[in-house]
N, C-alpha and C. Protein backbone atom coordinates (compact mmCIF):
# COMPACT_ATOMS: atom_id res chain seq x y z
N GLN A 1 46.98 -43.00 -143.89
CA GLN A 1 46.05 -42.04 -144.07
C GLN A 1 45.53 -42.20 -145.54
N VAL A 2 44.02 -41.78 -145.56
CA VAL A 2 43.41 -41.98 -146.71
C VAL A 2 42.86 -40.55 -147.41
N GLN A 3 43.16 -40.09 -148.69
CA GLN A 3 42.79 -38.86 -148.80
C GLN A 3 41.52 -38.99 -150.09
N LEU A 4 40.72 -38.38 -150.09
CA LEU A 4 39.32 -38.44 -150.91
C LEU A 4 39.29 -37.18 -151.55
N VAL A 5 39.30 -37.22 -152.98
CA VAL A 5 39.66 -35.77 -153.83
C VAL A 5 38.21 -36.07 -154.88
N GLU A 6 37.14 -35.16 -154.88
CA GLU A 6 35.92 -35.01 -155.30
C GLU A 6 36.06 -34.08 -156.56
N SER A 7 35.68 -34.56 -157.66
CA SER A 7 35.71 -33.41 -158.96
C SER A 7 34.62 -33.61 -159.93
N GLY A 8 34.44 -32.56 -160.79
CA GLY A 8 33.09 -32.94 -161.63
C GLY A 8 31.93 -31.93 -161.27
N GLY A 9 31.82 -31.35 -160.39
CA GLY A 9 30.78 -30.34 -159.93
C GLY A 9 30.61 -29.08 -161.03
N GLY A 10 29.37 -28.27 -160.99
CA GLY A 10 29.60 -27.15 -161.86
C GLY A 10 28.24 -26.52 -162.03
N LEU A 11 28.09 -25.72 -162.36
CA LEU A 11 26.73 -24.96 -162.45
C LEU A 11 26.31 -25.42 -164.07
N VAL A 12 24.77 -26.13 -163.67
CA VAL A 12 24.00 -26.33 -164.89
C VAL A 12 22.45 -26.27 -164.84
N GLN A 13 21.73 -26.37 -165.70
CA GLN A 13 20.15 -25.86 -166.08
C GLN A 13 19.59 -27.02 -165.43
N PRO A 14 18.49 -27.19 -165.09
CA PRO A 14 17.70 -28.31 -165.06
C PRO A 14 17.28 -29.03 -166.04
N GLY A 15 17.41 -30.40 -165.96
CA GLY A 15 17.40 -31.51 -167.29
C GLY A 15 18.64 -31.90 -167.53
N GLU A 16 19.59 -30.80 -167.67
CA GLU A 16 21.00 -31.22 -167.86
C GLU A 16 21.41 -32.23 -166.85
N SER A 17 23.03 -32.74 -167.51
CA SER A 17 23.72 -33.80 -166.60
C SER A 17 25.04 -33.41 -166.04
N LEU A 18 25.43 -34.25 -165.39
CA LEU A 18 26.94 -34.16 -164.72
C LEU A 18 27.20 -35.38 -164.05
N ARG A 19 28.92 -35.54 -164.30
CA ARG A 19 29.19 -36.86 -163.84
C ARG A 19 30.57 -36.59 -162.74
N LEU A 20 30.23 -36.74 -161.73
CA LEU A 20 31.19 -36.67 -160.55
C LEU A 20 32.17 -37.68 -160.48
N SER A 21 33.46 -37.54 -160.36
CA SER A 21 34.37 -38.13 -159.71
C SER A 21 35.10 -38.35 -158.29
N CYS A 22 35.82 -39.27 -157.89
CA CYS A 22 36.19 -39.35 -156.68
C CYS A 22 37.13 -40.54 -156.58
N VAL A 23 38.53 -39.95 -156.47
CA VAL A 23 39.70 -40.65 -156.31
C VAL A 23 39.96 -40.92 -154.96
N ALA A 24 40.08 -42.11 -154.35
CA ALA A 24 40.52 -42.39 -152.84
C ALA A 24 41.90 -43.12 -152.96
N SER A 25 42.67 -42.47 -152.23
CA SER A 25 44.34 -42.74 -152.16
C SER A 25 44.89 -42.88 -150.91
N GLY A 26 45.85 -43.34 -150.38
CA GLY A 26 46.89 -43.06 -149.26
C GLY A 26 47.22 -44.31 -148.49
N SER A 27 46.36 -45.46 -149.13
CA SER A 27 46.79 -46.94 -148.07
C SER A 27 45.47 -47.43 -148.52
N ILE A 28 45.10 -47.66 -150.13
CA ILE A 28 44.23 -48.58 -150.37
C ILE A 28 44.51 -49.69 -150.84
N PHE A 29 44.52 -50.98 -150.11
CA PHE A 29 44.80 -52.41 -150.90
C PHE A 29 43.67 -53.12 -151.11
N THR A 30 42.51 -53.09 -150.61
CA THR A 30 41.46 -54.23 -150.54
C THR A 30 40.33 -53.34 -151.06
N MET A 31 39.35 -54.16 -151.44
CA MET A 31 38.32 -53.79 -152.24
C MET A 31 37.25 -52.67 -150.99
N HIS A 32 36.65 -51.98 -151.28
CA HIS A 32 35.66 -51.00 -150.07
C HIS A 32 34.56 -50.71 -150.54
N ALA A 33 33.57 -50.62 -149.54
CA ALA A 33 32.12 -49.75 -150.22
C ALA A 33 32.29 -48.49 -150.25
N MET A 34 31.86 -47.89 -151.21
CA MET A 34 31.80 -46.32 -151.56
C MET A 34 30.53 -45.78 -151.55
N ALA A 35 30.51 -44.53 -151.56
CA ALA A 35 29.16 -43.93 -151.43
C ALA A 35 29.28 -42.52 -151.70
N TRP A 36 28.16 -41.81 -152.07
CA TRP A 36 28.00 -40.36 -152.31
C TRP A 36 27.07 -39.86 -151.24
N PHE A 37 27.53 -38.52 -150.75
CA PHE A 37 26.42 -37.76 -150.06
C PHE A 37 26.32 -36.50 -150.82
N ARG A 38 25.49 -35.76 -150.27
CA ARG A 38 25.43 -34.13 -150.72
C ARG A 38 24.94 -33.63 -149.48
N GLN A 39 25.27 -32.22 -149.50
CA GLN A 39 24.80 -31.18 -148.05
C GLN A 39 24.53 -29.98 -148.73
N ALA A 40 22.99 -29.84 -148.62
CA ALA A 40 22.90 -28.13 -149.27
C ALA A 40 22.84 -27.63 -148.00
N PRO A 41 23.14 -26.20 -148.23
CA PRO A 41 23.11 -25.05 -147.41
C PRO A 41 21.95 -25.24 -146.29
N GLY A 42 22.75 -25.16 -145.10
CA GLY A 42 21.28 -25.25 -143.77
C GLY A 42 20.68 -26.44 -143.49
N LYS A 43 21.22 -27.42 -144.08
CA LYS A 43 20.90 -28.90 -143.95
C LYS A 43 21.54 -30.09 -143.57
N GLN A 44 21.21 -31.40 -143.30
CA GLN A 44 22.33 -32.35 -143.08
C GLN A 44 22.60 -32.88 -144.43
N ARG A 45 23.72 -33.41 -143.85
CA ARG A 45 24.37 -34.08 -145.01
C ARG A 45 23.43 -35.61 -145.31
N GLU A 46 23.18 -35.83 -146.32
CA GLU A 46 22.18 -37.05 -146.46
C GLU A 46 23.19 -38.13 -147.52
N LEU A 47 22.76 -39.38 -147.47
CA LEU A 47 23.31 -40.16 -148.33
C LEU A 47 22.69 -40.05 -149.37
N VAL A 48 23.35 -40.54 -150.96
CA VAL A 48 22.81 -40.48 -152.16
C VAL A 48 22.96 -41.64 -152.43
N ALA A 49 23.88 -42.45 -152.58
CA ALA A 49 23.97 -43.79 -153.29
C ALA A 49 25.18 -44.57 -152.78
N THR A 50 25.13 -45.75 -152.65
CA THR A 50 26.05 -46.60 -151.93
C THR A 50 26.61 -47.61 -152.88
N ILE A 51 27.60 -48.13 -152.94
CA ILE A 51 28.12 -49.33 -153.86
C ILE A 51 28.84 -50.31 -152.87
N THR A 52 28.53 -51.37 -152.87
CA THR A 52 29.26 -52.53 -151.88
C THR A 52 30.39 -53.21 -151.98
N THR A 53 31.10 -53.72 -151.46
CA THR A 53 32.58 -54.56 -152.16
C THR A 53 31.98 -55.47 -153.35
N GLN A 54 30.87 -56.06 -153.02
CA GLN A 54 29.85 -57.05 -153.90
C GLN A 54 29.37 -56.14 -155.12
N ASP A 55 29.57 -54.81 -155.34
CA ASP A 55 28.84 -54.06 -156.27
C ASP A 55 27.32 -54.01 -156.18
N LYS A 56 26.70 -54.17 -155.06
CA LYS A 56 25.42 -54.11 -154.71
C LYS A 56 25.08 -52.57 -154.58
N ILE A 57 24.21 -52.06 -154.81
CA ILE A 57 24.00 -50.97 -155.22
C ILE A 57 22.61 -50.26 -154.68
N ASN A 58 22.52 -49.21 -153.69
CA ASN A 58 21.09 -48.50 -153.03
C ASN A 58 21.37 -47.13 -153.56
N TYR A 59 20.24 -46.39 -153.92
CA TYR A 59 20.05 -45.16 -154.06
C TYR A 59 18.74 -44.68 -152.65
N ALA A 60 18.99 -43.36 -152.74
CA ALA A 60 17.98 -42.38 -152.07
C ALA A 60 16.88 -42.55 -153.11
N ASP A 61 16.00 -42.46 -152.46
CA ASP A 61 14.37 -42.34 -153.66
C ASP A 61 14.69 -41.28 -154.06
N SER A 62 15.17 -40.00 -153.76
CA SER A 62 15.23 -38.84 -154.49
C SER A 62 15.79 -38.80 -155.81
N VAL A 63 16.67 -39.99 -155.94
CA VAL A 63 17.49 -39.88 -156.87
C VAL A 63 17.59 -41.06 -157.90
N LYS A 64 16.77 -42.01 -157.43
CA LYS A 64 16.52 -43.25 -158.22
C LYS A 64 15.82 -43.00 -159.80
N GLY A 65 16.25 -43.83 -160.56
CA GLY A 65 16.00 -43.37 -161.72
C GLY A 65 16.82 -42.38 -162.59
N ARG A 66 17.38 -41.71 -161.78
CA ARG A 66 18.36 -40.46 -162.37
C ARG A 66 19.77 -40.39 -162.13
N PHE A 67 20.11 -41.10 -161.07
CA PHE A 67 21.51 -41.20 -160.84
C PHE A 67 22.22 -42.76 -160.88
N THR A 68 23.04 -42.77 -161.31
CA THR A 68 24.07 -43.89 -161.25
C THR A 68 25.25 -44.07 -160.88
N ILE A 69 25.71 -44.70 -159.54
CA ILE A 69 27.05 -44.96 -159.29
C ILE A 69 27.66 -46.03 -159.84
N SER A 70 28.96 -45.89 -160.02
CA SER A 70 29.79 -46.97 -160.38
C SER A 70 31.28 -46.67 -159.93
N ARG A 71 32.10 -47.88 -160.02
CA ARG A 71 33.66 -48.01 -159.53
C ARG A 71 34.42 -48.49 -160.63
N ASP A 72 35.41 -48.04 -160.22
CA ASP A 72 36.68 -48.50 -160.90
C ASP A 72 37.64 -48.95 -159.81
N ALA A 73 37.62 -50.13 -159.72
CA ALA A 73 38.22 -50.89 -158.37
C ALA A 73 39.93 -50.49 -158.48
N ALA A 74 40.29 -50.62 -159.75
CA ALA A 74 41.83 -50.61 -160.29
C ALA A 74 42.45 -49.14 -160.02
N LYS A 75 41.62 -47.94 -159.80
CA LYS A 75 41.69 -46.84 -160.03
C LYS A 75 41.35 -46.30 -158.53
N ASN A 76 40.53 -47.37 -157.81
CA ASN A 76 40.25 -46.84 -156.20
C ASN A 76 39.39 -45.71 -156.54
N SER A 77 38.58 -45.55 -157.44
CA SER A 77 37.55 -44.23 -157.86
C SER A 77 36.11 -44.79 -157.83
N VAL A 78 35.38 -43.74 -157.41
CA VAL A 78 34.01 -43.77 -157.46
C VAL A 78 33.37 -42.91 -158.59
N TYR A 79 32.39 -43.33 -159.20
CA TYR A 79 31.48 -42.02 -159.70
C TYR A 79 30.39 -42.09 -159.93
N LEU A 80 29.66 -40.89 -159.93
CA LEU A 80 28.08 -40.66 -160.08
C LEU A 80 27.90 -40.06 -161.22
N GLN A 81 26.98 -40.61 -161.90
CA GLN A 81 26.82 -39.99 -163.22
C GLN A 81 24.99 -39.55 -162.94
N MET A 82 24.71 -38.10 -163.10
CA MET A 82 23.51 -37.62 -162.91
C MET A 82 22.94 -36.88 -163.83
N ASN A 83 22.08 -37.38 -164.05
CA ASN A 83 21.07 -37.04 -165.35
C ASN A 83 19.55 -36.54 -164.92
N ASN A 84 19.04 -35.57 -165.97
CA ASN A 84 17.71 -34.82 -165.65
C ASN A 84 17.92 -34.19 -164.03
N LEU A 85 19.14 -33.34 -164.12
CA LEU A 85 19.26 -32.68 -162.27
C LEU A 85 17.89 -31.83 -162.37
N LYS A 86 17.63 -31.64 -161.17
CA LYS A 86 16.55 -30.65 -160.62
C LYS A 86 17.32 -29.57 -159.80
N PRO A 87 16.40 -28.56 -159.58
CA PRO A 87 17.15 -27.57 -158.43
C PRO A 87 17.63 -28.36 -157.12
N GLU A 88 16.49 -29.10 -156.68
CA GLU A 88 16.44 -29.59 -155.23
C GLU A 88 18.07 -30.47 -154.94
N ASP A 89 18.59 -30.68 -156.31
CA ASP A 89 19.74 -31.43 -156.38
C ASP A 89 21.02 -30.67 -156.04
N THR A 90 21.02 -29.28 -155.87
CA THR A 90 21.85 -28.33 -155.68
C THR A 90 22.42 -28.62 -154.32
N ALA A 91 23.93 -28.79 -154.12
CA ALA A 91 24.11 -29.31 -152.79
C ALA A 91 25.90 -29.52 -152.89
N VAL A 92 26.67 -29.53 -152.22
CA VAL A 92 27.97 -29.95 -152.28
C VAL A 92 28.02 -31.52 -152.26
N TYR A 93 28.60 -32.32 -153.06
CA TYR A 93 28.82 -33.77 -152.95
C TYR A 93 29.96 -34.12 -152.57
N TYR A 94 30.08 -35.16 -151.71
CA TYR A 94 31.08 -35.77 -150.99
C TYR A 94 30.96 -37.23 -151.09
N CYS A 95 32.10 -37.99 -151.57
CA CYS A 95 32.54 -39.10 -151.33
C CYS A 95 32.98 -39.71 -150.35
N ASN A 96 32.68 -41.09 -150.02
CA ASN A 96 33.23 -41.56 -148.80
C ASN A 96 33.65 -43.09 -148.95
N ILE A 97 34.41 -43.81 -147.85
CA ILE A 97 34.83 -45.14 -148.42
C ILE A 97 34.83 -45.80 -147.07
N GLY A 98 34.79 -47.02 -147.12
CA GLY A 98 34.41 -48.02 -145.67
C GLY A 98 34.55 -49.42 -145.98
N ASN A 99 33.59 -50.06 -145.36
CA ASN A 99 33.46 -51.33 -145.64
C ASN A 99 31.55 -51.17 -145.29
N ASP A 100 31.44 -52.65 -145.91
CA ASP A 100 29.49 -52.81 -145.91
C ASP A 100 28.87 -52.27 -144.74
N LEU A 101 29.69 -52.17 -143.51
CA LEU A 101 28.96 -51.86 -142.09
C LEU A 101 28.92 -50.29 -141.80
N GLY A 102 30.29 -49.66 -142.50
CA GLY A 102 30.33 -48.54 -142.17
C GLY A 102 31.47 -47.70 -142.86
N LEU A 103 31.47 -46.65 -142.88
CA LEU A 103 32.15 -45.57 -143.70
C LEU A 103 33.10 -44.54 -142.91
N LEU A 104 34.28 -44.01 -143.51
CA LEU A 104 34.98 -43.13 -142.70
C LEU A 104 34.29 -42.10 -142.10
N GLY A 105 33.21 -41.31 -142.89
CA GLY A 105 32.58 -40.59 -142.47
C GLY A 105 32.05 -40.47 -141.30
N ASP A 106 31.56 -41.61 -140.70
CA ASP A 106 31.25 -42.32 -139.40
C ASP A 106 32.24 -41.46 -138.38
N TYR A 107 33.25 -41.45 -138.47
CA TYR A 107 34.18 -40.79 -137.87
C TYR A 107 34.77 -39.32 -138.20
N GLY A 108 33.81 -38.91 -138.85
CA GLY A 108 34.29 -37.40 -139.14
C GLY A 108 35.07 -37.12 -140.34
N PHE A 109 35.60 -38.36 -141.25
CA PHE A 109 36.49 -37.91 -142.17
C PHE A 109 35.82 -37.54 -143.61
N TRP A 110 36.07 -36.53 -144.21
CA TRP A 110 35.49 -35.93 -145.58
C TRP A 110 36.42 -35.31 -146.33
N GLY A 111 36.42 -35.58 -147.49
CA GLY A 111 37.08 -34.71 -148.47
C GLY A 111 36.59 -33.35 -148.40
N GLN A 112 36.74 -32.26 -149.61
CA GLN A 112 36.60 -31.37 -149.79
C GLN A 112 35.12 -31.08 -150.58
N GLY A 113 34.88 -32.21 -151.26
CA GLY A 113 33.46 -31.88 -151.94
C GLY A 113 33.45 -31.16 -153.26
N THR A 114 32.48 -31.28 -153.88
CA THR A 114 32.40 -30.54 -154.96
C THR A 114 31.19 -30.37 -155.39
N GLN A 115 31.08 -29.01 -155.64
CA GLN A 115 29.76 -27.98 -155.49
C GLN A 115 28.88 -28.22 -156.73
N VAL A 116 27.61 -28.61 -157.03
CA VAL A 116 26.71 -28.95 -157.99
C VAL A 116 25.75 -28.10 -157.70
N THR A 117 25.37 -27.01 -158.82
CA THR A 117 24.34 -26.06 -158.83
C THR A 117 23.57 -26.33 -160.07
N VAL A 118 22.02 -26.11 -159.72
CA VAL A 118 21.36 -26.76 -161.07
C VAL A 118 20.20 -25.32 -160.44
N SER A 119 19.82 -24.55 -161.58
CA SER A 119 19.66 -23.22 -161.78
C SER A 119 19.20 -22.92 -163.21
N SER A 120 18.09 -22.66 -163.59
CA SER A 120 17.68 -21.89 -164.60
C SER A 120 17.98 -20.18 -164.46
């Protein structure tokens, strides 16, 4: 049984920054790929950033140059530094875990997420 706990969201103004954290626990004994997703009201969940077991990183075009994904393998944690936030970034942000070919989200497994609201 794996648990995913996201934190760090909040209400910020455009141009400000937030750092999201996610801790995976419950039976994690090897390196895993990790990822961040987000879901705005009435919209599909979308992939924001991924980091593979070899620390190869990819970002959605909408966040390139503004967001940075990183991990602390010893803590089974993944982070998302979000700079220059825009109103279109408003969403519930979820982390996920898996391997380089798939994630637990593919099987419907998610944490509670953390709300990010960007508004003036």
